[in-house]
Amino acid sequence: MAGETREHEVDTEYNPNPSESGKWLSAVIALLGAWLIVEAFLFDLVASQFWNDIIVGALLLIVGGYNYSRRASERVGSMSAAVLAALVGLWLIAAPFIFGADFGLTETANPLGFWNDIVVGLIAFVLGAYSAYEVRDQREEVREVAG
C-alpha cells in the first residue's frame, strides 16, 4: 500500500501542467519584448527612451521565454516571472508620464514611440497579471491533487 501511495505522488508531481496551460500567455509576453527591441531601432527615439525600450524589451523576452519553457515542459509557470512581466508593463505605462517631455530624459522625438510604450505596457501588464493568476490557480490544483 505504501508503494501505491508513493507511485501516485510521483505521477502528480511529474505532470502538474499536462495541458501546458498558459504557454500562449508566455509566448505573447516574449513577443512583446522582442517587439520593443525591434521598435527601438525602427522609431526615432531619444537615447534614454531607446535604452529603456531595449532593457525592458530584453526583460520581457527573458521572462516570457522562461515561463514558456516551463509551461512547454508541462510544469507550472513561475509566479515571480509573471509578476515581473506585470510590473515591467506598469513601468512602460508610467515612464513617459513620470519623466514627461519637460524633463528631457525620456522626451520622444516620435509620438509613435510614446504610444507604443503605453500600449505594449498595458498588454504586458494585463497578460502578466493574468498569467500570475493562472499560476496561482494551477498551484492550488496541484496541491489539491497531491494532498
C-alpha atoms as a PDB file:
ATOM      1  CA  MET A   1       0.000   0.000   0.000  1.00  0.00           C
ATOM      2  CA  ALA A   2       2.867   2.384   0.747  1.00  0.00           C
ATOM      3  CA  GLY A   3       4.283   1.694  -2.720  1.00  0.00           C
ATOM      4  CA  GLU A   4       0.973   2.664  -4.323  1.00  0.00           C
ATOM      5  CA  THR A   5       0.854   5.975  -2.451  1.00  0.00           C
ATOM      6  CA  ARG A   6       4.416   6.804  -3.415  1.00  0.00           C
ATOM      7  CA  GLU A   7       3.694   5.945  -7.049  1.00  0.00           C
ATOM      8  CA  HIS A   8       0.609   8.219  -7.058  1.00  0.00           C
ATOM      9  CA  GLU A   9       2.616  11.120  -5.587  1.00  0.00           C
ATOM     10  CA  VAL A  10       5.304  10.792  -8.240  1.00  0.00           C
ATOM     11  CA  ASP A  11       2.695  10.988 -11.026  1.00  0.00           C
ATOM     12  CA  THR A  12       1.125  14.215  -9.690  1.00  0.00           C
ATOM     13  CA  GLU A  13       4.483  15.876  -9.115  1.00  0.00           C
ATOM     14  CA  TYR A  14       5.835  14.859 -12.513  1.00  0.00           C
ATOM     15  CA  ASN A  15       2.979  16.267 -14.572  1.00  0.00           C
ATOM     16  CA  PRO A  16       1.456  19.296 -12.798  1.00  0.00           C
ATOM     17  CA  ASN A  17       0.539  21.047 -16.069  1.00  0.00           C
ATOM     18  CA  PRO A  18      -0.388  18.336 -18.585  1.00  0.00           C
ATOM     19  CA  SER A  19      -2.273  20.698 -20.902  1.00  0.00           C
ATOM     20  CA  GLU A  20       0.669  23.145 -20.972  1.00  0.00           C
ATOM     21  CA  SER A  21      -1.790  25.794 -19.807  1.00  0.00           C
ATOM     22  CA  GLY A  22      -0.615  29.382 -20.064  1.00  0.00           C
ATOM     23  CA  LYS A  23       2.015  28.681 -22.702  1.00  0.00           C
ATOM     24  CA  TRP A  24       0.467  31.164 -25.136  1.00  0.00           C
ATOM     25  CA  LEU A  25       0.483  33.925 -22.485  1.00  0.00           C
ATOM     26  CA  SER A  26       4.205  33.496 -22.003  1.00  0.00           C
ATOM     27  CA  ALA A  27       4.810  33.434 -25.756  1.00  0.00           C
ATOM     28  CA  VAL A  28       2.965  36.729 -26.230  1.00  0.00           C
ATOM     29  CA  ILE A  29       4.931  38.335 -23.381  1.00  0.00           C
ATOM     30  CA  ALA A  30       8.185  37.204 -25.030  1.00  0.00           C
ATOM     31  CA  LEU A  31       6.985  38.548 -28.391  1.00  0.00           C
ATOM     32  CA  LEU A  32       6.172  41.907 -26.785  1.00  0.00           C
ATOM     33  CA  GLY A  33       9.760  42.031 -25.541  1.00  0.00           C
ATOM     34  CA  ALA A  34      11.097  41.218 -28.987  1.00  0.00           C
ATOM     35  CA  TRP A  35       8.866  43.919 -30.480  1.00  0.00           C
ATOM     36  CA  LEU A  36      10.185  46.540 -28.030  1.00  0.00           C
ATOM     37  CA  ILE A  37      13.744  45.734 -29.045  1.00  0.00           C
ATOM     38  CA  VAL A  38      12.927  45.943 -32.767  1.00  0.00           C
ATOM     39  CA  GLU A  39      10.809  49.067 -32.280  1.00  0.00           C
ATOM     40  CA  ALA A  40      13.695  50.850 -30.585  1.00  0.00           C
ATOM     41  CA  PHE A  41      15.602  50.647 -33.879  1.00  0.00           C
ATOM     42  CA  LEU A  42      12.610  51.453 -36.104  1.00  0.00           C
ATOM     43  CA  PHE A  43      11.353  54.619 -34.405  1.00  0.00           C
ATOM     44  CA  ASP A  44      13.301  57.834 -33.993  1.00  0.00           C
ATOM     45  CA  LEU A  45      13.790  57.789 -30.205  1.00  0.00           C
ATOM     46  CA  VAL A  46      15.958  59.816 -27.887  1.00  0.00           C
ATOM     47  CA  ALA A  47      18.755  57.873 -26.188  1.00  0.00           C
ATOM     48  CA  SER A  48      17.006  57.387 -22.845  1.00  0.00           C
ATOM     49  CA  GLN A  49      13.817  56.035 -24.416  1.00  0.00           C
ATOM     50  CA  PHE A  50      15.869  53.862 -26.783  1.00  0.00           C
ATOM     51  CA  TRP A  51      17.744  52.233 -23.886  1.00  0.00           C
ATOM     52  CA  ASN A  52      14.607  51.962 -21.764  1.00  0.00           C
ATOM     53  CA  ASP A  53      12.898  50.048 -24.580  1.00  0.00           C
ATOM     54  CA  ILE A  54      15.927  47.805 -25.125  1.00  0.00           C
ATOM     55  CA  ILE A  55      16.259  46.938 -21.416  1.00  0.00           C
ATOM     56  CA  VAL A  56      12.524  46.483 -20.831  1.00  0.00           C
ATOM     57  CA  GLY A  57      12.210  44.501 -24.065  1.00  0.00           C
ATOM     58  CA  ALA A  58      15.042  42.198 -23.008  1.00  0.00           C
ATOM     59  CA  LEU A  59      13.397  41.668 -19.602  1.00  0.00           C
ATOM     60  CA  LEU A  60      10.054  40.782 -21.187  1.00  0.00           C
ATOM     61  CA  LEU A  61      11.741  38.494 -23.708  1.00  0.00           C
ATOM     62  CA  ILE A  62      13.663  36.651 -20.977  1.00  0.00           C
ATOM     63  CA  VAL A  63      10.712  36.395 -18.569  1.00  0.00           C
ATOM     64  CA  GLY A  64       8.286  35.301 -21.272  1.00  0.00           C
ATOM     65  CA  GLY A  65      10.770  32.807 -22.697  1.00  0.00           C
ATOM     66  CA  TYR A  66      11.485  31.369 -19.261  1.00  0.00           C
ATOM     67  CA  ASN A  67       7.822  30.857 -18.431  1.00  0.00           C
ATOM     68  CA  TYR A  68       7.180  29.474 -21.914  1.00  0.00           C
ATOM     69  CA  SER A  69       9.888  26.859 -21.447  1.00  0.00           C
ATOM     70  CA  ARG A  70       8.485  25.887 -18.036  1.00  0.00           C
ATOM     71  CA  ARG A  71       4.965  25.532 -19.350  1.00  0.00           C
ATOM     72  CA  ALA A  72       6.025  23.746 -22.528  1.00  0.00           C
ATOM     73  CA  SER A  73       7.727  21.103 -20.375  1.00  0.00           C
ATOM     74  CA  GLU A  74       4.413  20.566 -18.549  1.00  0.00           C
ATOM     75  CA  ARG A  75       5.480  22.428 -15.414  1.00  0.00           C
ATOM     76  CA  VAL A  76       3.598  25.207 -13.672  1.00  0.00           C
ATOM     77  CA  GLY A  77       4.774  28.673 -14.677  1.00  0.00           C
ATOM     78  CA  SER A  78       6.793  30.894 -12.382  1.00  0.00           C
ATOM     79  CA  MET A  79       4.751  33.317 -10.287  1.00  0.00           C
ATOM     80  CA  SER A  80       7.774  35.614  -9.937  1.00  0.00           C
ATOM     81  CA  ALA A  81       8.276  35.784 -13.698  1.00  0.00           C
ATOM     82  CA  ALA A  82       4.601  36.586 -14.285  1.00  0.00           C
ATOM     83  CA  VAL A  83       4.587  39.312 -11.623  1.00  0.00           C
ATOM     84  CA  LEU A  84       7.799  40.777 -13.053  1.00  0.00           C
ATOM     85  CA  ALA A  85       6.161  40.966 -16.502  1.00  0.00           C
ATOM     86  CA  ALA A  86       3.194  42.819 -14.976  1.00  0.00           C
ATOM     87  CA  LEU A  87       5.468  45.251 -13.099  1.00  0.00           C
ATOM     88  CA  VAL A  88       7.542  45.911 -16.206  1.00  0.00           C
ATOM     89  CA  GLY A  89       4.282  46.608 -18.048  1.00  0.00           C
ATOM     90  CA  LEU A  90       3.348  49.158 -15.390  1.00  0.00           C
ATOM     91  CA  TRP A  91       6.763  50.766 -15.785  1.00  0.00           C
ATOM     92  CA  LEU A  92       6.239  51.075 -19.541  1.00  0.00           C
ATOM     93  CA  ILE A  93       2.895  52.785 -18.946  1.00  0.00           C
ATOM     94  CA  ALA A  94       4.203  55.141 -16.277  1.00  0.00           C
ATOM     95  CA  ALA A  95       7.666  56.085 -17.576  1.00  0.00           C
ATOM     96  CA  PRO A  96       6.554  58.641 -20.202  1.00  0.00           C
ATOM     97  CA  PHE A  97       4.297  60.340 -17.641  1.00  0.00           C
ATOM     98  CA  ILE A  98       6.775  60.238 -14.755  1.00  0.00           C
ATOM     99  CA  PHE A  99       9.549  61.931 -16.681  1.00  0.00           C
ATOM    100  CA  GLY A 100       7.415  63.845 -19.159  1.00  0.00           C
ATOM    101  CA  ALA A 101       8.537  65.852 -22.154  1.00  0.00           C
ATOM    102  CA  ASP A 102       9.746  68.748 -19.981  1.00  0.00           C
ATOM    103  CA  PHE A 103      12.200  66.545 -18.087  1.00  0.00           C
ATOM    104  CA  GLY A 104      14.128  65.900 -21.275  1.00  0.00           C
ATOM    105  CA  LEU A 105      15.438  62.431 -20.480  1.00  0.00           C
ATOM    106  CA  THR A 106      12.510  60.491 -21.919  1.00  0.00           C
ATOM    107  CA  GLU A 107      11.277  63.041 -24.386  1.00  0.00           C
ATOM    108  CA  THR A 108      10.211  61.285 -27.539  1.00  0.00           C
ATOM    109  CA  ALA A 109      11.234  62.504 -30.948  1.00  0.00           C
ATOM    110  CA  ASN A 110       8.393  60.407 -32.312  1.00  0.00           C
ATOM    111  CA  PRO A 111       4.889  60.200 -30.788  1.00  0.00           C
ATOM    112  CA  LEU A 112       4.664  56.611 -32.064  1.00  0.00           C
ATOM    113  CA  GLY A 113       7.354  55.656 -29.552  1.00  0.00           C
ATOM    114  CA  PHE A 114       5.354  57.260 -26.744  1.00  0.00           C
ATOM    115  CA  TRP A 115       2.115  55.467 -27.614  1.00  0.00           C
ATOM    116  CA  ASN A 116       3.878  52.214 -28.437  1.00  0.00           C
ATOM    117  CA  ASP A 117       5.307  52.071 -24.911  1.00  0.00           C
ATOM    118  CA  ILE A 118       1.902  52.732 -23.373  1.00  0.00           C
ATOM    119  CA  VAL A 119       0.084  50.122 -25.481  1.00  0.00           C
ATOM    120  CA  VAL A 120       2.802  47.474 -25.035  1.00  0.00           C
ATOM    121  CA  GLY A 121       2.885  48.289 -21.312  1.00  0.00           C
ATOM    122  CA  LEU A 122      -0.871  47.808 -20.994  1.00  0.00           C
ATOM    123  CA  ILE A 123      -0.748  44.476 -22.812  1.00  0.00           C
ATOM    124  CA  ALA A 124       2.261  43.279 -20.781  1.00  0.00           C
ATOM    125  CA  PHE A 125       0.581  44.299 -17.520  1.00  0.00           C
ATOM    126  CA  VAL A 126      -2.697  42.536 -18.324  1.00  0.00           C
ATOM    127  CA  LEU A 127      -1.012  39.375 -19.607  1.00  0.00           C
ATOM    128  CA  GLY A 128       1.485  39.278 -16.728  1.00  0.00           C
ATOM    129  CA  ALA A 129      -1.232  39.764 -14.120  1.00  0.00           C
ATOM    130  CA  TYR A 130      -3.467  37.134 -15.721  1.00  0.00           C
ATOM    131  CA  SER A 131      -0.518  34.757 -16.016  1.00  0.00           C
ATOM    132  CA  ALA A 132       0.226  35.188 -12.294  1.00  0.00           C
ATOM    133  CA  TYR A 133      -3.437  34.486 -11.504  1.00  0.00           C
ATOM    134  CA  GLU A 134      -3.325  31.353 -13.652  1.00  0.00           C
ATOM    135  CA  VAL A 135      -0.111  30.131 -11.994  1.00  0.00           C
ATOM    136  CA  ARG A 136      -1.729  30.564  -8.589  1.00  0.00           C
ATOM    137  CA  ASP A 137      -4.746  28.504  -9.673  1.00  0.00           C
ATOM    138  CA  GLN A 138      -2.552  25.770 -11.144  1.00  0.00           C
ATOM    139  CA  ARG A 139      -0.533  25.545  -7.934  1.00  0.00           C
ATOM    140  CA  GLU A 140      -3.727  25.181  -5.906  1.00  0.00           C
ATOM    141  CA  GLU A 141      -4.930  22.388  -8.218  1.00  0.00           C
ATOM    142  CA  VAL A 142      -1.608  20.548  -7.872  1.00  0.00           C
ATOM    143  CA  ARG A 143      -1.806  20.851  -4.059  1.00  0.00           C
ATOM    144  CA  GLU A 144      -5.364  19.510  -4.045  1.00  0.00           C
ATOM    145  CA  VAL A 145      -4.439  16.521  -6.214  1.00  0.00           C
ATOM    146  CA  ALA A 146      -1.269  15.800  -4.236  1.00  0.00           C
ATOM    147  CA  GLY A 147      -2.864  16.474  -0.856  1.00  0.00           C
END
